[in-house]
Amino acid sequence: QVQVVESGGGLVQPGGSLRLSCAASGIIFSRYTMSWYRQAPGKQRELVASITRDGIINYGDSVKGRFTIPRDNAKNTVYLQMNSLEPEDTAVYYCNANFYERDYWGQGTQVTVSS
């Protein structure tokens, strides 16, 4: 059974930092492209960052220079390090694991940036 589980969300002040974790089980993690998406109320889900099995990284324009997406294949975990957070970063953050037609999502974790 495949499980993708996010953790680390919460409330943070503008300018602060937060690290999300996504642990996957039931898959050969190292083969998968791992991605973070987010969805704010009333908006479409958007790509935040992705990292391929070869380490190729792509960031959404709104987070470039502020977020990073390291992965640890030994721990079957991908992270989202978020720095210089802004109120506009408030959203539910979802983790995605993709390998060709195999596509798995986590349940999401809420991030709220507010003073």
N, C-alpha and C. Protein backbone atom coordinates (compact mmCIF):
# COMPACT_ATOMS: atom_id res chain seq x y z
N GLN A 1 0.84 -1.19 0.00
CA GLN A 1 0.00 0.00 0.00
C GLN A 1 0.88 1.25 0.00
N VAL A 2 0.58 2.16 -0.91
CA VAL A 2 1.36 3.38 -1.02
C VAL A 2 0.80 4.43 -0.07
N GLN A 3 1.71 5.07 0.65
CA GLN A 3 1.34 6.18 1.52
C GLN A 3 2.27 7.35 1.28
N VAL A 4 1.68 8.52 1.19
CA VAL A 4 2.42 9.78 1.08
C VAL A 4 1.90 10.68 2.18
N VAL A 5 2.76 11.04 3.11
CA VAL A 5 2.31 11.74 4.31
C VAL A 5 3.13 13.00 4.52
N GLU A 6 2.44 14.15 4.52
CA GLU A 6 3.08 15.43 4.78
C GLU A 6 3.02 15.76 6.27
N SER A 7 3.98 16.55 6.71
CA SER A 7 3.98 17.05 8.08
C SER A 7 4.77 18.35 8.13
N GLY A 8 4.60 19.08 9.23
CA GLY A 8 5.40 20.28 9.44
C GLY A 8 4.67 21.59 9.21
N GLY A 9 3.43 21.55 8.80
CA GLY A 9 2.69 22.79 8.60
C GLY A 9 2.38 23.48 9.92
N GLY A 10 1.88 24.71 9.80
CA GLY A 10 1.52 25.45 11.00
C GLY A 10 1.39 26.92 10.73
N LEU A 11 1.38 27.68 11.81
CA LEU A 11 1.26 29.14 11.75
C LEU A 11 2.64 29.76 11.93
N VAL A 12 2.98 30.69 11.06
CA VAL A 12 4.27 31.35 11.13
C VAL A 12 4.09 32.82 10.77
N GLN A 13 4.91 33.68 11.36
CA GLN A 13 4.84 35.11 11.08
C GLN A 13 5.50 35.44 9.75
N PRO A 14 5.07 36.52 9.12
CA PRO A 14 5.74 36.96 7.88
C PRO A 14 7.24 37.13 8.11
N GLY A 15 8.01 36.67 7.14
CA GLY A 15 9.46 36.72 7.26
C GLY A 15 10.06 35.50 7.92
N GLY A 16 9.22 34.65 8.46
CA GLY A 16 9.70 33.47 9.15
C GLY A 16 9.99 32.31 8.21
N SER A 17 10.37 31.18 8.82
CA SER A 17 10.72 29.98 8.07
C SER A 17 9.94 28.79 8.59
N LEU A 18 9.80 27.81 7.72
CA LEU A 18 9.11 26.57 8.06
C LEU A 18 9.66 25.47 7.16
N ARG A 19 9.76 24.26 7.69
CA ARG A 19 10.19 23.13 6.88
C ARG A 19 9.11 22.06 6.87
N LEU A 20 8.64 21.74 5.69
CA LEU A 20 7.69 20.66 5.52
C LEU A 20 8.44 19.38 5.17
N SER A 21 7.86 18.26 5.61
CA SER A 21 8.41 16.95 5.27
C SER A 21 7.34 16.12 4.58
N CYS A 22 7.80 15.26 3.69
CA CYS A 22 6.89 14.34 3.00
C CYS A 22 7.56 12.97 2.98
N ALA A 23 6.97 12.03 3.70
CA ALA A 23 7.50 10.68 3.75
C ALA A 23 6.63 9.77 2.90
N ALA A 24 7.28 9.00 2.04
CA ALA A 24 6.56 8.08 1.16
C ALA A 24 6.95 6.64 1.47
N SER A 25 5.97 5.76 1.43
CA SER A 25 6.23 4.34 1.64
C SER A 25 5.45 3.53 0.61
N GLY A 26 5.91 2.31 0.38
CA GLY A 26 5.23 1.45 -0.59
C GLY A 26 5.65 1.69 -2.02
N ILE A 27 6.66 2.54 -2.22
CA ILE A 27 7.19 2.82 -3.56
C ILE A 27 8.71 2.75 -3.52
N ILE A 28 9.31 2.61 -4.69
CA ILE A 28 10.77 2.73 -4.78
C ILE A 28 11.06 4.22 -4.92
N PHE A 29 11.25 4.84 -3.80
CA PHE A 29 11.26 6.30 -3.71
C PHE A 29 12.27 6.94 -4.67
N SER A 30 13.43 6.35 -4.79
CA SER A 30 14.49 6.97 -5.59
C SER A 30 14.13 7.09 -7.07
N ARG A 31 13.14 6.36 -7.53
CA ARG A 31 12.74 6.42 -8.93
C ARG A 31 11.78 7.56 -9.22
N TYR A 32 11.19 8.11 -8.19
CA TYR A 32 10.08 9.03 -8.36
C TYR A 32 10.51 10.49 -8.41
N THR A 33 9.82 11.24 -9.25
CA THR A 33 9.88 12.69 -9.16
C THR A 33 8.97 13.10 -8.01
N MET A 34 9.52 13.90 -7.11
CA MET A 34 8.77 14.36 -5.94
C MET A 34 8.49 15.85 -6.09
N SER A 35 7.27 16.22 -5.79
CA SER A 35 6.86 17.61 -5.99
C SER A 35 6.04 18.10 -4.81
N TRP A 36 6.08 19.40 -4.63
CA TRP A 36 5.20 20.09 -3.71
C TRP A 36 4.28 21.00 -4.52
N TYR A 37 3.01 20.92 -4.22
CA TYR A 37 2.00 21.81 -4.77
C TYR A 37 1.32 22.53 -3.61
N ARG A 38 0.63 23.60 -3.94
CA ARG A 38 -0.16 24.28 -2.92
C ARG A 38 -1.46 24.80 -3.53
N GLN A 39 -2.44 24.94 -2.66
CA GLN A 39 -3.72 25.47 -3.09
C GLN A 39 -4.26 26.40 -2.02
N ALA A 40 -4.42 27.65 -2.42
CA ALA A 40 -4.99 28.66 -1.53
C ALA A 40 -6.50 28.71 -1.77
N PRO A 41 -7.27 29.20 -0.79
CA PRO A 41 -8.72 29.28 -0.95
C PRO A 41 -9.11 30.06 -2.20
N GLY A 42 -9.97 29.48 -3.01
CA GLY A 42 -10.46 30.14 -4.21
C GLY A 42 -9.49 30.15 -5.38
N LYS A 43 -8.35 29.47 -5.22
CA LYS A 43 -7.36 29.45 -6.29
C LYS A 43 -7.09 28.03 -6.75
N GLN A 44 -6.50 27.92 -7.93
CA GLN A 44 -6.14 26.60 -8.45
C GLN A 44 -4.88 26.08 -7.77
N ARG A 45 -4.76 24.77 -7.77
CA ARG A 45 -3.54 24.17 -7.24
C ARG A 45 -2.37 24.54 -8.16
N GLU A 46 -1.25 24.91 -7.56
CA GLU A 46 -0.09 25.32 -8.35
C GLU A 46 1.16 24.58 -7.88
N LEU A 47 2.07 24.40 -8.83
CA LEU A 47 3.34 23.77 -8.51
C LEU A 47 4.21 24.73 -7.71
N VAL A 48 4.76 24.24 -6.60
CA VAL A 48 5.70 25.03 -5.81
C VAL A 48 7.13 24.66 -6.18
N ALA A 49 7.41 23.37 -6.18
CA ALA A 49 8.76 22.91 -6.49
C ALA A 49 8.72 21.42 -6.79
N SER A 50 9.67 20.98 -7.61
CA SER A 50 9.78 19.56 -7.91
C SER A 50 11.25 19.18 -8.03
N ILE A 51 11.53 17.90 -7.77
CA ILE A 51 12.88 17.37 -7.91
C ILE A 51 12.79 15.99 -8.52
N THR A 52 13.50 15.79 -9.62
CA THR A 52 13.47 14.50 -10.30
C THR A 52 14.39 13.51 -9.59
N ARG A 53 14.36 12.27 -10.06
CA ARG A 53 15.23 11.26 -9.46
C ARG A 53 16.70 11.57 -9.75
N ASP A 54 16.95 12.36 -10.77
CA ASP A 54 18.32 12.76 -11.10
C ASP A 54 18.73 14.06 -10.42
N GLY A 55 17.84 14.60 -9.62
CA GLY A 55 18.18 15.82 -8.89
C GLY A 55 17.92 17.10 -9.63
N ILE A 56 17.18 17.03 -10.73
CA ILE A 56 16.85 18.24 -11.47
C ILE A 56 15.68 18.93 -10.75
N ILE A 57 15.85 20.19 -10.47
CA ILE A 57 14.90 20.94 -9.65
C ILE A 57 14.22 22.03 -10.46
N ASN A 58 12.94 22.20 -10.18
CA ASN A 58 12.16 23.25 -10.80
C ASN A 58 11.36 23.96 -9.71
N TYR A 59 11.36 25.29 -9.74
CA TYR A 59 10.61 26.07 -8.76
C TYR A 59 9.57 26.93 -9.44
N GLY A 60 8.45 27.11 -8.77
CA GLY A 60 7.48 28.09 -9.23
C GLY A 60 8.05 29.49 -9.11
N ASP A 61 7.64 30.37 -9.99
CA ASP A 61 8.22 31.72 -10.03
C ASP A 61 8.07 32.46 -8.71
N SER A 62 6.97 32.23 -8.02
CA SER A 62 6.69 33.00 -6.81
C SER A 62 7.55 32.58 -5.61
N VAL A 63 8.24 31.45 -5.70
CA VAL A 63 9.02 30.98 -4.56
C VAL A 63 10.53 30.91 -4.85
N LYS A 64 10.92 31.22 -6.07
CA LYS A 64 12.34 31.16 -6.42
C LYS A 64 13.15 32.07 -5.50
N GLY A 65 14.24 31.51 -5.00
CA GLY A 65 15.12 32.28 -4.11
C GLY A 65 14.70 32.22 -2.65
N ARG A 66 13.52 31.67 -2.36
CA ARG A 66 13.04 31.60 -0.98
C ARG A 66 12.86 30.16 -0.50
N PHE A 67 12.47 29.26 -1.39
CA PHE A 67 12.20 27.88 -1.03
C PHE A 67 13.26 26.96 -1.65
N THR A 68 13.52 25.84 -0.97
CA THR A 68 14.36 24.79 -1.53
C THR A 68 13.68 23.44 -1.31
N ILE A 69 14.07 22.45 -2.12
CA ILE A 69 13.42 21.13 -2.08
C ILE A 69 14.46 20.02 -2.05
N PRO A 70 15.10 19.81 -0.90
CA PRO A 70 16.03 18.70 -0.81
C PRO A 70 15.30 17.37 -0.64
N ARG A 71 15.93 16.31 -1.09
CA ARG A 71 15.36 14.98 -0.89
C ARG A 71 16.41 14.07 -0.26
N ASP A 72 15.94 13.12 0.53
CA ASP A 72 16.82 12.15 1.18
C ASP A 72 16.30 10.76 0.82
N ASN A 73 16.92 10.15 -0.18
CA ASN A 73 16.44 8.85 -0.65
C ASN A 73 16.60 7.76 0.40
N ALA A 74 17.57 7.91 1.27
CA ALA A 74 17.77 6.91 2.33
C ALA A 74 16.61 6.91 3.32
N LYS A 75 15.96 8.06 3.45
CA LYS A 75 14.84 8.19 4.38
C LYS A 75 13.49 8.21 3.67
N ASN A 76 13.51 8.05 2.34
CA ASN A 76 12.26 8.11 1.56
C ASN A 76 11.49 9.39 1.86
N THR A 77 12.20 10.47 1.94
CA THR A 77 11.59 11.73 2.37
C THR A 77 12.05 12.89 1.48
N VAL A 78 11.13 13.77 1.17
CA VAL A 78 11.45 15.02 0.50
C VAL A 78 10.99 16.16 1.42
N TYR A 79 11.72 17.24 1.39
CA TYR A 79 11.43 18.37 2.26
C TYR A 79 11.11 19.60 1.42
N LEU A 80 10.48 20.55 2.05
CA LEU A 80 10.30 21.87 1.46
C LEU A 80 10.73 22.88 2.52
N GLN A 81 11.90 23.45 2.30
CA GLN A 81 12.41 24.49 3.21
C GLN A 81 11.89 25.83 2.71
N MET A 82 11.11 26.48 3.54
CA MET A 82 10.48 27.73 3.15
C MET A 82 11.03 28.86 4.02
N ASN A 83 11.65 29.83 3.38
CA ASN A 83 12.22 30.98 4.07
C ASN A 83 11.53 32.26 3.58
N SER A 84 11.69 33.32 4.34
CA SER A 84 11.12 34.62 3.99
C SER A 84 9.64 34.48 3.60
N LEU A 85 8.91 33.82 4.45
CA LEU A 85 7.50 33.54 4.14
C LEU A 85 6.68 34.82 4.10
N GLU A 86 5.70 34.81 3.21
CA GLU A 86 4.82 35.94 2.99
C GLU A 86 3.37 35.49 3.20
N PRO A 87 2.49 36.42 3.52
CA PRO A 87 1.07 36.03 3.67
C PRO A 87 0.52 35.31 2.44
N GLU A 88 1.05 35.65 1.27
CA GLU A 88 0.60 35.03 0.02
C GLU A 88 1.00 33.55 -0.08
N ASP A 89 1.86 33.10 0.81
CA ASP A 89 2.25 31.68 0.84
C ASP A 89 1.24 30.83 1.60
N THR A 90 0.27 31.46 2.22
CA THR A 90 -0.75 30.73 2.95
C THR A 90 -1.54 29.82 2.01
N ALA A 91 -1.57 28.54 2.35
CA ALA A 91 -2.22 27.56 1.49
C ALA A 91 -2.14 26.18 2.15
N VAL A 92 -2.85 25.24 1.56
CA VAL A 92 -2.63 23.83 1.89
C VAL A 92 -1.54 23.33 0.94
N TYR A 93 -0.52 22.72 1.50
CA TYR A 93 0.60 22.22 0.73
C TYR A 93 0.47 20.70 0.59
N TYR A 94 0.59 20.25 -0.65
CA TYR A 94 0.44 18.84 -0.98
C TYR A 94 1.74 18.27 -1.55
N CYS A 95 2.02 17.05 -1.18
CA CYS A 95 3.17 16.34 -1.72
C CYS A 95 2.69 15.37 -2.80
N ASN A 96 3.46 15.27 -3.86
CA ASN A 96 3.13 14.38 -4.97
C ASN A 96 4.33 13.53 -5.33
N ALA A 97 4.06 12.24 -5.56
CA ALA A 97 5.09 11.31 -6.02
C ALA A 97 4.66 10.80 -7.39
N ASN A 98 5.54 10.94 -8.37
CA ASN A 98 5.18 10.57 -9.74
C ASN A 98 6.28 9.77 -10.41
N PHE A 99 5.85 8.65 -11.05
CA PHE A 99 6.73 7.83 -11.86
C PHE A 99 5.91 7.32 -13.02
N TYR A 100 6.02 7.99 -14.16
CA TYR A 100 5.20 7.70 -15.34
C TYR A 100 3.73 7.74 -14.97
N GLU A 101 2.97 6.66 -15.13
CA GLU A 101 1.54 6.71 -14.86
C GLU A 101 1.22 6.56 -13.37
N ARG A 102 2.19 6.28 -12.59
CA ARG A 102 1.97 6.12 -11.15
C ARG A 102 2.06 7.48 -10.48
N ASP A 103 0.97 7.89 -9.87
CA ASP A 103 0.86 9.25 -9.34
C ASP A 103 0.15 9.19 -8.00
N TYR A 104 0.83 9.65 -6.96
CA TYR A 104 0.27 9.55 -5.62
C TYR A 104 0.33 10.89 -4.92
N TRP A 105 -0.72 11.18 -4.13
CA TRP A 105 -0.83 12.45 -3.42
C TRP A 105 -0.96 12.22 -1.93
N GLY A 106 -0.46 13.16 -1.17
CA GLY A 106 -0.70 13.18 0.26
C GLY A 106 -1.98 13.92 0.57
N GLN A 107 -2.31 13.99 1.84
CA GLN A 107 -3.56 14.59 2.27
C GLN A 107 -3.45 16.10 2.45
N GLY A 108 -2.25 16.61 2.45
CA GLY A 108 -2.04 18.05 2.57
C GLY A 108 -1.75 18.49 3.99
N THR A 109 -1.04 19.59 4.10
CA THR A 109 -0.76 20.20 5.40
C THR A 109 -0.94 21.72 5.27
N GLN A 110 -1.59 22.30 6.25
CA GLN A 110 -1.91 23.73 6.19
C GLN A 110 -0.73 24.57 6.63
N VAL A 111 -0.42 25.59 5.84
CA VAL A 111 0.57 26.59 6.19
C VAL A 111 -0.14 27.94 6.21
N THR A 112 -0.04 28.63 7.32
CA THR A 112 -0.65 29.94 7.46
C THR A 112 0.42 30.95 7.85
N VAL A 113 0.55 31.99 7.06
CA VAL A 113 1.53 33.05 7.32
C VAL A 113 0.76 34.30 7.71
N SER A 114 0.88 34.64 8.97
CA SER A 114 0.10 35.76 9.49
C SER A 114 0.73 36.29 10.76
N SER A 115 0.56 37.61 10.97
CA SER A 115 1.05 38.21 12.21
C SER A 115 -0.06 38.26 13.24
